[in-house]
Amino acid sequence: MKTCLVVDDSRVIRTIARKIMEDLRYAVNEAEDGMSALRACHEQMPDLILLDWNLPSMKGVEFLKSVRGQQGGGRPVIIFCTTESDPGEIAGAMAAGANEYLMKPFDGVAVRGKLADIGVTA
């Protein structure tokens, strides 16, 4: 079974994302901040990370760069889940190693569409 790490400081968003990803047959772990997410990645690198832009303890892009620099950090598909709409900021995140981004609020249809766009299947 593929694994997904949902990284968001909002419990509501984590709950919604968990439900969506479990419906797609992913085993889901959650982290409420960047440091907890990094620890989770050190323990087991997930196949997919849904990543909030603004996190306590570090920005999402800092987390992204840190993960990409780890052994095995090139493996997970990382999708930013954000309200950020500045094209320059989004381009910067993509240049830092994000595979895609998803605007909040999102639903299962949007997540499945983004995954299909980048060739990821459950």
PDB file of N, CA and C in Angstrom:
ATOM      1  N   MET A   1       0.839  -1.176   0.000  1.00  0.00           N
ATOM      2  CA  MET A   1       0.000   0.000   0.000  1.00  0.00           C
ATOM      3  C   MET A   1       0.887   1.244   0.000  1.00  0.00           C
ATOM      4  N   LYS A   2       0.541   2.214  -0.829  1.00  0.00           N
ATOM      5  CA  LYS A   2       1.288   3.464  -0.871  1.00  0.00           C
ATOM      6  C   LYS A   2       0.985   4.294   0.368  1.00  0.00           C
ATOM      7  N   THR A   3       1.948   5.153   0.716  1.00  0.00           N
ATOM      8  CA  THR A   3       1.808   5.975   1.915  1.00  0.00           C
ATOM      9  C   THR A   3       1.745   7.457   1.566  1.00  0.00           C
ATOM     10  N   CYS A   4       1.009   8.193   2.405  1.00  0.00           N
ATOM     11  CA  CYS A   4       0.862   9.635   2.242  1.00  0.00           C
ATOM     12  C   CYS A   4       1.070  10.303   3.594  1.00  0.00           C
ATOM     13  N   LEU A   5       1.833  11.377   3.605  1.00  0.00           N
ATOM     14  CA  LEU A   5       1.994  12.212   4.780  1.00  0.00           C
ATOM     15  C   LEU A   5       1.271  13.523   4.523  1.00  0.00           C
ATOM     16  N   VAL A   6       0.304  13.837   5.380  1.00  0.00           N
ATOM     17  CA  VAL A   6      -0.439  15.092   5.290  1.00  0.00           C
ATOM     18  C   VAL A   6       0.165  16.048   6.302  1.00  0.00           C
ATOM     19  N   VAL A   7       0.707  17.166   5.813  1.00  0.00           N
ATOM     20  CA  VAL A   7       1.378  18.135   6.674  1.00  0.00           C
ATOM     21  C   VAL A   7       0.589  19.438   6.639  1.00  0.00           C
ATOM     22  N   ASP A   8      -0.123  19.712   7.727  1.00  0.00           N
ATOM     23  CA  ASP A   8      -0.938  20.929   7.810  1.00  0.00           C
ATOM     24  C   ASP A   8      -1.200  21.233   9.272  1.00  0.00           C
ATOM     25  N   ASP A   9      -1.168  22.508   9.645  1.00  0.00           N
ATOM     26  CA  ASP A   9      -1.433  22.870  11.030  1.00  0.00           C
ATOM     27  C   ASP A   9      -2.921  22.873  11.354  1.00  0.00           C
ATOM     28  N   SER A  10      -3.776  22.778  10.359  1.00  0.00           N
ATOM     29  CA  SER A  10      -5.219  22.732  10.565  1.00  0.00           C
ATOM     30  C   SER A  10      -5.691  21.286  10.697  1.00  0.00           C
ATOM     31  N   ARG A  11      -6.275  20.968  11.835  1.00  0.00           N
ATOM     32  CA  ARG A  11      -6.798  19.619  12.038  1.00  0.00           C
ATOM     33  C   ARG A  11      -7.912  19.315  11.040  1.00  0.00           C
ATOM     34  N   VAL A  12      -8.709  20.322  10.695  1.00  0.00           N
ATOM     35  CA  VAL A  12      -9.802  20.124   9.730  1.00  0.00           C
ATOM     36  C   VAL A  12      -9.244  19.716   8.366  1.00  0.00           C
ATOM     37  N   ILE A  13      -8.230  20.437   7.903  1.00  0.00           N
ATOM     38  CA  ILE A  13      -7.617  20.105   6.608  1.00  0.00           C
ATOM     39  C   ILE A  13      -6.994  18.718   6.660  1.00  0.00           C
ATOM     40  N   ARG A  14      -6.304  18.400   7.755  1.00  0.00           N
ATOM     41  CA  ARG A  14      -5.703  17.057   7.866  1.00  0.00           C
ATOM     42  C   ARG A  14      -6.776  15.975   7.812  1.00  0.00           C
ATOM     43  N   THR A  15      -7.893  16.204   8.480  1.00  0.00           N
ATOM     44  CA  THR A  15      -8.982  15.221   8.495  1.00  0.00           C
ATOM     45  C   THR A  15      -9.567  15.035   7.103  1.00  0.00           C
ATOM     46  N   ILE A  16      -9.800  16.141   6.402  1.00  0.00           N
ATOM     47  CA  ILE A  16     -10.340  16.069   5.035  1.00  0.00           C
ATOM     48  C   ILE A  16      -9.355  15.351   4.114  1.00  0.00           C
ATOM     49  N   ALA A  17      -8.088  15.750   4.184  1.00  0.00           N
ATOM     50  CA  ALA A  17      -7.069  15.136   3.323  1.00  0.00           C
ATOM     51  C   ALA A  17      -6.919  13.649   3.637  1.00  0.00           C
ATOM     52  N   ARG A  18      -6.957  13.297   4.918  1.00  0.00           N
ATOM     53  CA  ARG A  18      -6.850  11.885   5.304  1.00  0.00           C
ATOM     54  C   ARG A  18      -7.975  11.072   4.663  1.00  0.00           C
ATOM     55  N   LYS A  19      -9.185  11.560   4.760  1.00  0.00           N
ATOM     56  CA  LYS A  19     -10.351  10.859   4.189  1.00  0.00           C
ATOM     57  C   LYS A  19     -10.188  10.679   2.678  1.00  0.00           C
ATOM     58  N   ILE A  20      -9.782  11.756   2.002  1.00  0.00           N
ATOM     59  CA  ILE A  20      -9.587  11.685   0.549  1.00  0.00           C
ATOM     60  C   ILE A  20      -8.529  10.642   0.200  1.00  0.00           C
ATOM     61  N   MET A  21      -7.399  10.693   0.893  1.00  0.00           N
ATOM     62  CA  MET A  21      -6.301   9.794   0.556  1.00  0.00           C
ATOM     63  C   MET A  21      -6.611   8.352   0.952  1.00  0.00           C
ATOM     64  N   GLU A  22      -7.311   8.148   2.052  1.00  0.00           N
ATOM     65  CA  GLU A  22      -7.711   6.780   2.412  1.00  0.00           C
ATOM     66  C   GLU A  22      -8.695   6.228   1.391  1.00  0.00           C
ATOM     67  N   ASP A  23      -9.575   7.079   0.867  1.00  0.00           N
ATOM     68  CA  ASP A  23     -10.481   6.632  -0.201  1.00  0.00           C
ATOM     69  C   ASP A  23      -9.701   6.220  -1.450  1.00  0.00           C
ATOM     70  N   LEU A  24      -8.512   6.812  -1.631  1.00  0.00           N
ATOM     71  CA  LEU A  24      -7.635   6.447  -2.753  1.00  0.00           C
ATOM     72  C   LEU A  24      -6.695   5.298  -2.392  1.00  0.00           C
ATOM     73  N   ARG A  25      -6.946   4.684  -1.249  1.00  0.00           N
ATOM     74  CA  ARG A  25      -6.220   3.512  -0.776  1.00  0.00           C
ATOM     75  C   ARG A  25      -4.770   3.790  -0.377  1.00  0.00           C
ATOM     76  N   TYR A  26      -4.538   4.955   0.185  1.00  0.00           N
ATOM     77  CA  TYR A  26      -3.241   5.286   0.765  1.00  0.00           C
ATOM     78  C   TYR A  26      -3.298   5.052   2.267  1.00  0.00           C
ATOM     79  N   ALA A  27      -2.194   4.601   2.827  1.00  0.00           N
ATOM     80  CA  ALA A  27      -2.020   4.610   4.277  1.00  0.00           C
ATOM     81  C   ALA A  27      -1.558   6.020   4.626  1.00  0.00           C
ATOM     82  N   VAL A  28      -2.226   6.672   5.570  1.00  0.00           N
ATOM     83  CA  VAL A  28      -2.001   8.093   5.822  1.00  0.00           C
ATOM     84  C   VAL A  28      -1.430   8.332   7.214  1.00  0.00           C
ATOM     85  N   ASN A  29      -0.398   9.165   7.264  1.00  0.00           N
ATOM     86  CA  ASN A  29       0.131   9.710   8.508  1.00  0.00           C
ATOM     87  C   ASN A  29      -0.068  11.207   8.462  1.00  0.00           C
ATOM     88  N   GLU A  30      -0.083  11.841   9.620  1.00  0.00           N
ATOM     89  CA  GLU A  30      -0.302  13.275   9.705  1.00  0.00           C
ATOM     90  C   GLU A  30       0.808  13.936  10.511  1.00  0.00           C
ATOM     91  N   ALA A  31       1.069  15.192  10.179  1.00  0.00           N
ATOM     92  CA  ALA A  31       1.977  16.034  10.959  1.00  0.00           C
ATOM     93  C   ALA A  31       1.393  17.443  10.973  1.00  0.00           C
ATOM     94  N   GLU A  32       1.473  18.087  12.137  1.00  0.00           N
ATOM     95  CA  GLU A  32       0.891  19.423  12.266  1.00  0.00           C
ATOM     96  C   GLU A  32       1.896  20.545  12.101  1.00  0.00           C
ATOM     97  N   ASP A  33       3.176  20.200  11.964  1.00  0.00           N
ATOM     98  CA  ASP A  33       4.192  21.226  11.723  1.00  0.00           C
ATOM     99  C   ASP A  33       5.366  20.614  10.971  1.00  0.00           C
ATOM    100  N   GLY A  34       6.255  21.470  10.522  1.00  0.00           N
ATOM    101  CA  GLY A  34       7.372  21.021   9.706  1.00  0.00           C
ATOM    102  C   GLY A  34       8.338  20.094  10.420  1.00  0.00           C
ATOM    103  N   MET A  35       8.619  20.376  11.688  1.00  0.00           N
ATOM    104  CA  MET A  35       9.558  19.526  12.428  1.00  0.00           C
ATOM    105  C   MET A  35       9.004  18.117  12.628  1.00  0.00           C
ATOM    106  N   SER A  36       7.719  18.010  12.974  1.00  0.00           N
ATOM    107  CA  SER A  36       7.096  16.691  13.113  1.00  0.00           C
ATOM    108  C   SER A  36       7.098  15.953  11.779  1.00  0.00           C
ATOM    109  N   ALA A  37       6.871  16.689  10.710  1.00  0.00           N
ATOM    110  CA  ALA A  37       6.867  16.084   9.375  1.00  0.00           C
ATOM    111  C   ALA A  37       8.259  15.577   9.002  1.00  0.00           C
ATOM    112  N   LEU A  38       9.290  16.342   9.327  1.00  0.00           N
ATOM    113  CA  LEU A  38      10.658  15.885   9.041  1.00  0.00           C
ATOM    114  C   LEU A  38      10.981  14.617   9.820  1.00  0.00           C
ATOM    115  N   ARG A  39      10.564  14.563  11.093  1.00  0.00           N
ATOM    116  CA  ARG A  39      10.785  13.348  11.881  1.00  0.00           C
ATOM    117  C   ARG A  39      10.072  12.157  11.244  1.00  0.00           C
ATOM    118  N   ALA A  40       8.850  12.370  10.783  1.00  0.00           N
ATOM    119  CA  ALA A  40       8.106  11.291  10.127  1.00  0.00           C
ATOM    120  C   ALA A  40       8.837  10.813   8.875  1.00  0.00           C
ATOM    121  N   CYS A  41       9.398  11.743   8.116  1.00  0.00           N
ATOM    122  CA  CYS A  41      10.133  11.372   6.897  1.00  0.00           C
ATOM    123  C   CYS A  41      11.417  10.623   7.221  1.00  0.00           C
ATOM    124  N   HIS A  42      12.068  10.977   8.344  1.00  0.00           N
ATOM    125  CA  HIS A  42      13.269  10.248   8.757  1.00  0.00           C
ATOM    126  C   HIS A  42      12.928   8.813   9.129  1.00  0.00           C
ATOM    127  N   GLU A  43      11.755   8.620   9.747  1.00  0.00           N
ATOM    128  CA  GLU A  43      11.329   7.284  10.149  1.00  0.00           C
ATOM    129  C   GLU A  43      10.946   6.439   8.943  1.00  0.00           C
ATOM    130  N   GLN A  44      10.156   7.020   8.048  1.00  0.00           N
ATOM    131  CA  GLN A  44       9.740   6.314   6.831  1.00  0.00           C
ATOM    132  C   GLN A  44       9.369   7.354   5.786  1.00  0.00           C
ATOM    133  N   MET A  45      10.120   7.387   4.698  1.00  0.00           N
ATOM    134  CA  MET A  45       9.836   8.336   3.627  1.00  0.00           C
ATOM    135  C   MET A  45       8.549   7.908   2.927  1.00  0.00           C
ATOM    136  N   PRO A  46       7.543   8.793   2.894  1.00  0.00           N
ATOM    137  CA  PRO A  46       6.279   8.431   2.248  1.00  0.00           C
ATOM    138  C   PRO A  46       6.388   8.473   0.729  1.00  0.00           C
ATOM    139  N   ASP A  47       5.379   7.932   0.078  1.00  0.00           N
ATOM    140  CA  ASP A  47       5.312   7.994  -1.379  1.00  0.00           C
ATOM    141  C   ASP A  47       4.793   9.354  -1.846  1.00  0.00           C
ATOM    142  N   LEU A  48       3.952   9.979  -1.014  1.00  0.00           N
ATOM    143  CA  LEU A  48       3.284  11.231  -1.375  1.00  0.00           C
ATOM    144  C   LEU A  48       3.198  12.116  -0.142  1.00  0.00           C
ATOM    145  N   ILE A  49       3.427  13.415  -0.336  1.00  0.00           N
ATOM    146  CA  ILE A  49       3.287  14.389   0.747  1.00  0.00           C
ATOM    147  C   ILE A  49       2.350  15.487   0.276  1.00  0.00           C
ATOM    148  N   LEU A  50       1.279  15.714   1.035  1.00  0.00           N
ATOM    149  CA  LEU A  50       0.411  16.877   0.834  1.00  0.00           C
ATOM    150  C   LEU A  50       0.877  17.910   1.845  1.00  0.00           C
ATOM    151  N   LEU A  51       1.372  19.041   1.365  1.00  0.00           N
ATOM    152  CA  LEU A  51       2.131  19.985   2.185  1.00  0.00           C
ATOM    153  C   LEU A  51       1.490  21.361   2.212  1.00  0.00           C
ATOM    154  N   ASP A  52       1.223  21.850   3.424  1.00  0.00           N
ATOM    155  CA  ASP A  52       0.718  23.203   3.611  1.00  0.00           C
ATOM    156  C   ASP A  52       1.841  24.207   3.351  1.00  0.00           C
ATOM    157  N   TRP A  53       1.471  25.380   2.897  1.00  0.00           N
ATOM    158  CA  TRP A  53       2.434  26.439   2.598  1.00  0.00           C
ATOM    159  C   TRP A  53       2.987  27.056   3.873  1.00  0.00           C
ATOM    160  N   ASN A  54       2.086  27.452   4.774  1.00  0.00           N
ATOM    161  CA  ASN A  54       2.477  28.124   6.012  1.00  0.00           C
ATOM    162  C   ASN A  54       2.326  27.173   7.184  1.00  0.00           C
ATOM    163  N   LEU A  55       3.464  26.826   7.777  1.00  0.00           N
ATOM    164  CA  LEU A  55       3.483  25.879   8.888  1.00  0.00           C
ATOM    165  C   LEU A  55       4.159  26.502  10.105  1.00  0.00           C
ATOM    166  N   PRO A  56       3.777  26.066  11.297  1.00  0.00           N
ATOM    167  CA  PRO A  56       4.552  26.455  12.479  1.00  0.00           C
ATOM    168  C   PRO A  56       5.934  25.807  12.395  1.00  0.00           C
ATOM    169  N   SER A  57       6.908  26.443  12.901  1.00  0.00           N
ATOM    170  CA  SER A  57       8.304  25.989  13.018  1.00  0.00           C
ATOM    171  C   SER A  57       9.112  26.100  11.728  1.00  0.00           C
ATOM    172  N   MET A  58       8.492  26.084  10.591  1.00  0.00           N
ATOM    173  CA  MET A  58       9.197  26.323   9.318  1.00  0.00           C
ATOM    174  C   MET A  58       8.164  26.470   8.207  1.00  0.00           C
ATOM    175  N   LYS A  59       8.523  27.199   7.193  1.00  0.00           N
ATOM    176  CA  LYS A  59       7.645  27.342   6.029  1.00  0.00           C
ATOM    177  C   LYS A  59       7.649  26.037   5.228  1.00  0.00           C
ATOM    178  N   GLY A  60       6.579  25.835   4.500  1.00  0.00           N
ATOM    179  CA  GLY A  60       6.476  24.630   3.691  1.00  0.00           C
ATOM    180  C   GLY A  60       7.629  24.475   2.710  1.00  0.00           C
ATOM    181  N   VAL A  61       8.074  25.580   2.123  1.00  0.00           N
ATOM    182  CA  VAL A  61       9.171  25.496   1.149  1.00  0.00           C
ATOM    183  C   VAL A  61      10.482  25.101   1.838  1.00  0.00           C
ATOM    184  N   GLU A  62      10.681  25.495   3.105  1.00  0.00           N
ATOM    185  CA  GLU A  62      11.864  25.059   3.853  1.00  0.00           C
ATOM    186  C   GLU A  62      11.804  23.549   4.084  1.00  0.00           C
ATOM    187  N   PHE A  63      10.628  23.059   4.455  1.00  0.00           N
ATOM    188  CA  PHE A  63      10.439  21.625   4.633  1.00  0.00           C
ATOM    189  C   PHE A  63      10.733  20.897   3.323  1.00  0.00           C
ATOM    190  N   LEU A  64      10.188  21.410   2.235  1.00  0.00           N
ATOM    191  CA  LEU A  64      10.383  20.820   0.912  1.00  0.00           C
ATOM    192  C   LEU A  64      11.870  20.686   0.584  1.00  0.00           C
ATOM    193  N   LYS A  65      12.618  21.766   0.771  1.00  0.00           N
ATOM    194  CA  LYS A  65      14.057  21.733   0.471  1.00  0.00           C
ATOM    195  C   LYS A  65      14.781  20.741   1.371  1.00  0.00           C
ATOM    196  N   SER A  66      14.387  20.679   2.629  1.00  0.00           N
ATOM    197  CA  SER A  66      15.018  19.754   3.561  1.00  0.00           C
ATOM    198  C   SER A  66      14.757  18.302   3.153  1.00  0.00           C
ATOM    199  N   VAL A  67      13.516  17.994   2.795  1.00  0.00           N
ATOM    200  CA  VAL A  67      13.185  16.632   2.376  1.00  0.00           C
ATOM    201  C   VAL A  67      13.940  16.268   1.105  1.00  0.00           C
ATOM    202  N   ARG A  68      13.948  17.168   0.145  1.00  0.00           N
ATOM    203  CA  ARG A  68      14.629  16.868  -1.117  1.00  0.00           C
ATOM    204  C   ARG A  68      16.126  16.647  -0.915  1.00  0.00           C
ATOM    205  N   GLY A  69      16.692  17.206   0.157  1.00  0.00           N
ATOM    206  CA  GLY A  69      18.111  17.031   0.436  1.00  0.00           C
ATOM    207  C   GLY A  69      18.440  15.761   1.204  1.00  0.00           C
ATOM    208  N   GLN A  70      17.438  15.058   1.699  1.00  0.00           N
ATOM    209  CA  GLN A  70      17.648  13.832   2.467  1.00  0.00           C
ATOM    210  C   GLN A  70      17.870  12.642   1.538  1.00  0.00           C
ATOM    211  N   GLN A  71      18.478  11.597   2.089  1.00  0.00           N
ATOM    212  CA  GLN A  71      18.588  10.354   1.346  1.00  0.00           C
ATOM    213  C   GLN A  71      17.180   9.837   1.090  1.00  0.00           C
ATOM    214  N   GLY A  72      16.866   9.549  -0.140  1.00  0.00           N
ATOM    215  CA  GLY A  72      15.530   9.090  -0.520  1.00  0.00           C
ATOM    216  C   GLY A  72      14.533  10.226  -0.689  1.00  0.00           C
ATOM    217  N   GLY A  73      14.980  11.466  -0.498  1.00  0.00           N
ATOM    218  CA  GLY A  73      14.088  12.623  -0.557  1.00  0.00           C
ATOM    219  C   GLY A  73      13.615  12.993  -1.939  1.00  0.00           C
ATOM    220  N   GLY A  74      14.193  12.409  -2.954  1.00  0.00           N
ATOM    221  CA  GLY A  74      13.727  12.664  -4.310  1.00  0.00           C
ATOM    222  C   GLY A  74      12.542  11.789  -4.685  1.00  0.00           C
ATOM    223  N   ARG A  75      12.266  10.792  -3.853  1.00  0.00           N
ATOM    224  CA  ARG A  75      11.211   9.819  -4.167  1.00  0.00           C
ATOM    225  C   ARG A  75       9.796  10.347  -3.973  1.00  0.00           C
ATOM    226  N   PRO A  76       9.488  10.995  -2.839  1.00  0.00           N
ATOM    227  CA  PRO A  76       8.066  11.321  -2.671  1.00  0.00           C
ATOM    228  C   PRO A  76       7.573  12.390  -3.642  1.00  0.00           C
ATOM    229  N   VAL A  77       6.356  12.201  -4.081  1.00  0.00           N
ATOM    230  CA  VAL A  77       5.657  13.234  -4.828  1.00  0.00           C
ATOM    231  C   VAL A  77       5.192  14.243  -3.778  1.00  0.00           C
ATOM    232  N   ILE A  78       5.494  15.522  -4.006  1.00  0.00           N
ATOM    233  CA  ILE A  78       5.113  16.552  -3.043  1.00  0.00           C
ATOM    234  C   ILE A  78       4.175  17.540  -3.722  1.00  0.00           C
ATOM    235  N   ILE A  79       2.989  17.657  -3.147  1.00  0.00           N
ATOM    236  CA  ILE A  79       1.975  18.580  -3.657  1.00  0.00           C
ATOM    237  C   ILE A  79       1.708  19.632  -2.598  1.00  0.00           C
ATOM    238  N   PHE A  80       1.982  20.902  -2.934  1.00  0.00           N
ATOM    239  CA  PHE A  80       1.641  21.996  -2.034  1.00  0.00           C
ATOM    240  C   PHE A  80       0.133  22.185  -2.042  1.00  0.00           C
ATOM    241  N   CYS A  81      -0.444  22.311  -0.867  1.00  0.00           N
ATOM    242  CA  CYS A  81      -1.869  22.609  -0.698  1.00  0.00           C
ATOM    243  C   CYS A  81      -1.922  23.992  -0.060  1.00  0.00           C
ATOM    244  N   THR A  82      -2.420  24.972  -0.800  1.00  0.00           N
ATOM    245  CA  THR A  82      -2.212  26.345  -0.379  1.00  0.00           C
ATOM    246  C   THR A  82      -3.335  27.283  -0.784  1.00  0.00           C
ATOM    247  N   THR A  83      -3.365  28.426  -0.139  1.00  0.00           N
ATOM    248  CA  THR A  83      -4.208  29.539  -0.572  1.00  0.00           C
ATOM    249  C   THR A  83      -3.348  30.569  -1.295  1.00  0.00           C
ATOM    250  N   GLU A  84      -2.049  30.316  -1.370  1.00  0.00           N
ATOM    251  CA  GLU A  84      -1.101  31.223  -2.034  1.00  0.00           C
ATOM    252  C   GLU A  84      -1.401  31.266  -3.527  1.00  0.00           C
ATOM    253  N   SER A  85      -1.597  32.480  -4.036  1.00  0.00           N
ATOM    254  CA  SER A  85      -1.931  32.596  -5.459  1.00  0.00           C
ATOM    255  C   SER A  85      -0.917  33.415  -6.246  1.00  0.00           C
ATOM    256  N   ASP A  86       0.148  33.858  -5.597  1.00  0.00           N
ATOM    257  CA  ASP A  86       1.185  34.638  -6.278  1.00  0.00           C
ATOM    258  C   ASP A  86       1.962  33.711  -7.215  1.00  0.00           C
ATOM    259  N   PRO A  87       1.911  33.975  -8.527  1.00  0.00           N
ATOM    260  CA  PRO A  87       2.606  33.094  -9.476  1.00  0.00           C
ATOM    261  C   PRO A  87       4.102  32.957  -9.198  1.00  0.00           C
ATOM    262  N   GLY A  88       4.729  34.012  -8.722  1.00  0.00           N
ATOM    263  CA  GLY A  88       6.156  33.948  -8.411  1.00  0.00           C
ATOM    264  C   GLY A  88       6.451  33.013  -7.251  1.00  0.00           C
ATOM    265  N   GLU A  89       5.614  33.055  -6.231  1.00  0.00           N
ATOM    266  CA  GLU A  89       5.783  32.162  -5.081  1.00  0.00           C
ATOM    267  C   GLU A  89       5.565  30.707  -5.493  1.00  0.00           C
ATOM    268  N   ILE A  90       4.550  30.480  -6.281  1.00  0.00           N
ATOM    269  CA  ILE A  90       4.266  29.116  -6.742  1.00  0.00           C
ATOM    270  C   ILE A  90       5.405  28.617  -7.625  1.00  0.00           C
ATOM    271  N   ALA A  91       5.894  29.458  -8.511  1.00  0.00           N
ATOM    272  CA  ALA A  91       7.028  29.070  -9.362  1.00  0.00           C
ATOM    273  C   ALA A  91       8.253  28.745  -8.512  1.00  0.00           C
ATOM    274  N   GLY A  92       8.465  29.516  -7.446  1.00  0.00           N
ATOM    275  CA  GLY A  92       9.589  29.248  -6.545  1.00  0.00           C
ATOM    276  C   GLY A  92       9.467  27.897  -5.862  1.00  0.00           C
ATOM    277  N   ALA A  93       8.257  27.556  -5.454  1.00  0.00           N
ATOM    278  CA  ALA A  93       8.026  26.256  -4.818  1.00  0.00           C
ATOM    279  C   ALA A  93       8.252  25.119  -5.814  1.00  0.00           C
ATOM    280  N   MET A  94       7.806  25.316  -7.024  1.00  0.00           N
ATOM    281  CA  MET A  94       8.012  24.292  -8.053  1.00  0.00           C
ATOM    282  C   MET A  94       9.511  24.140  -8.348  1.00  0.00           C
ATOM    283  N   ALA A  95      10.226  25.258  -8.405  1.00  0.00           N
ATOM    284  CA  ALA A  95      11.666  25.206  -8.656  1.00  0.00           C
ATOM    285  C   ALA A  95      12.407  24.535  -7.498  1.00  0.00           C
ATOM    286  N   ALA A  96      11.860  24.647  -6.282  1.00  0.00           N
ATOM    287  CA  ALA A  96      12.484  24.037  -5.109  1.00  0.00           C
ATOM    288  C   ALA A  96      12.230  22.534  -5.028  1.00  0.00           C
ATOM    289  N   GLY A  97      11.336  22.021  -5.871  1.00  0.00           N
ATOM    290  CA  GLY A  97      11.140  20.578  -5.909  1.00  0.00           C
ATOM    291  C   GLY A  97       9.727  20.086  -5.741  1.00  0.00           C
ATOM    292  N   ALA A  98       8.754  20.985  -5.635  1.00  0.00           N
ATOM    293  CA  ALA A  98       7.363  20.535  -5.566  1.00  0.00           C
ATOM    294  C   ALA A  98       6.967  19.944  -6.918  1.00  0.00           C
ATOM    295  N   ASN A  99       6.155  18.909  -6.879  1.00  0.00           N
ATOM    296  CA  ASN A  99       5.675  18.303  -8.123  1.00  0.00           C
ATOM    297  C   ASN A  99       4.449  19.014  -8.669  1.00  0.00           C
ATOM    298  N   GLU A 100       3.649  19.577  -7.765  1.00  0.00           N
ATOM    299  CA  GLU A 100       2.399  20.222  -8.172  1.00  0.00           C
ATOM    300  C   GLU A 100       1.886  21.035  -7.003  1.00  0.00           C
ATOM    301  N   TYR A 101       0.858  21.823  -7.251  1.00  0.00           N
ATOM    302  CA  TYR A 101       0.202  22.540  -6.164  1.00  0.00           C
ATOM    303  C   TYR A 101      -1.303  22.433  -6.348  1.00  0.00           C
ATOM    304  N   LEU A 102      -1.996  22.582  -5.227  1.00  0.00           N
ATOM    305  CA  LEU A 102      -3.441  22.427  -5.175  1.00  0.00           C
ATOM    306  C   LEU A 102      -3.986  23.566  -4.336  1.00  0.00           C
ATOM    307  N   MET A 103      -4.961  24.280  -4.870  1.00  0.00           N
ATOM    308  CA  MET A 103      -5.536  25.407  -4.144  1.00  0.00           C
ATOM    309  C   MET A 103      -6.535  24.910  -3.109  1.00  0.00           C
ATOM    310  N   LYS A 104      -6.470  25.500  -1.906  1.00  0.00           N
ATOM    311  CA  LYS A 104      -7.453  25.235  -0.851  1.00  0.00           C
ATOM    312  C   LYS A 104      -8.644  26.146  -1.071  1.00  0.00           C
ATOM    313  N   PRO A 105      -9.833  25.727  -0.723  1.00  0.00           N
ATOM    314  CA  PRO A 105     -10.178  24.383  -0.263  1.00  0.00           C
ATOM    315  C   PRO A 105     -10.187  23.413  -1.443  1.00  0.00           C
ATOM    316  N   PHE A 106      -9.918  22.163  -1.166  1.00  0.00           N
ATOM    317  CA  PHE A 106      -9.896  21.142  -2.214  1.00  0.00           C
ATOM    318  C   PHE A 106     -10.802  19.991  -1.811  1.00  0.00           C
ATOM    319  N   ASP A 107     -11.114  19.159  -2.787  1.00  0.00           N
ATOM    320  CA  ASP A 107     -11.942  17.982  -2.544  1.00  0.00           C
ATOM    321  C   ASP A 107     -11.304  16.788  -3.241  1.00  0.00           C
ATOM    322  N   GLY A 108     -11.949  15.641  -3.136  1.00  0.00           N
ATOM    323  CA  GLY A 108     -11.414  14.426  -3.732  1.00  0.00           C
ATOM    324  C   GLY A 108     -11.241  14.499  -5.233  1.00  0.00           C
ATOM    325  N   VAL A 109     -12.162  15.177  -5.906  1.00  0.00           N
ATOM    326  CA  VAL A 109     -12.066  15.318  -7.361  1.00  0.00           C
ATOM    327  C   VAL A 109     -10.802  16.102  -7.728  1.00  0.00           C
ATOM    328  N   ALA A 110     -10.546  17.192  -7.006  1.00  0.00           N
ATOM    329  CA  ALA A 110      -9.363  18.016  -7.285  1.00  0.00           C
ATOM    330  C   ALA A 110      -8.080  17.228  -7.020  1.00  0.00           C
ATOM    331  N   VAL A 111      -8.039  16.493  -5.918  1.00  0.00           N
ATOM    332  CA  VAL A 111      -6.837  15.712  -5.593  1.00  0.00           C
ATOM    333  C   VAL A 111      -6.616  14.634  -6.648  1.00  0.00           C
ATOM    334  N   ARG A 112      -7.663  13.897  -6.999  1.00  0.00           N
ATOM    335  CA  ARG A 112      -7.514  12.859  -8.043  1.00  0.00           C
ATOM    336  C   ARG A 112      -7.052  13.476  -9.358  1.00  0.00           C
ATOM    337  N   GLY A 113      -7.576  14.641  -9.697  1.00  0.00           N
ATOM    338  CA  GLY A 113      -7.174  15.319 -10.927  1.00  0.00           C
ATOM    339  C   GLY A 113      -5.709  15.700 -10.929  1.00  0.00           C
ATOM    340  N   LYS A 114      -5.232  16.256  -9.824  1.00  0.00           N
ATOM    341  CA  LYS A 114      -3.805  16.626  -9.728  1.00  0.00           C
ATOM    342  C   LYS A 114      -2.924  15.396  -9.801  1.00  0.00           C
ATOM    343  N   LEU A 115      -3.308  14.328  -9.099  1.00  0.00           N
ATOM    344  CA  LEU A 115      -2.525  13.108  -9.152  1.00  0.00           C
ATOM    345  C   LEU A 115      -2.476  12.550 -10.574  1.00  0.00           C
ATOM    346  N   ALA A 116      -3.604  12.571 -11.258  1.00  0.00           N
ATOM    347  CA  ALA A 116      -3.646  12.097 -12.647  1.00  0.00           C
ATOM    348  C   ALA A 116      -2.782  12.976 -13.543  1.00  0.00           C
ATOM    349  N   ASP A 117      -2.806  14.308 -13.310  1.00  0.00           N
ATOM    350  CA  ASP A 117      -2.009  15.241 -14.108  1.00  0.00           C
ATOM    351  C   ASP A 117      -0.515  14.909 -14.057  1.00  0.00           C
ATOM    352  N   ILE A 118      -0.064  14.431 -12.902  1.00  0.00           N
ATOM    353  CA  ILE A 118       1.369  14.141 -12.761  1.00  0.00           C
ATOM    354  C   ILE A 118       1.668  12.646 -12.857  1.00  0.00           C
ATOM    355  N   GLY A 119       0.662  11.861 -13.251  1.00  0.00           N
ATOM    356  CA  GLY A 119       0.868  10.450 -13.527  1.00  0.00           C
ATOM    357  C   GLY A 119       0.957   9.554 -12.304  1.00  0.00           C
ATOM    358  N   VAL A 120       0.341   9.986 -11.208  1.00  0.00           N
ATOM    359  CA  VAL A 120       0.370   9.183  -9.978  1.00  0.00           C
ATOM    360  C   VAL A 120      -0.950   8.440  -9.837  1.00  0.00           C
ATOM    361  N   THR A 121      -0.857   7.148  -9.568  1.00  0.00           N
ATOM    362  CA  THR A 121      -2.054   6.346  -9.308  1.00  0.00           C
ATOM    363  C   THR A 121      -1.928   5.722  -7.923  1.00  0.00           C
ATOM    364  N   ALA A 122      -3.058   5.392  -7.358  1.00  0.00           N
ATOM    365  CA  ALA A 122      -3.061   4.785  -6.013  1.00  0.00           C
ATOM    366  C   ALA A 122      -2.618   3.341  -6.084  1.00  0.00           C
TER     367      ALA A 122
END
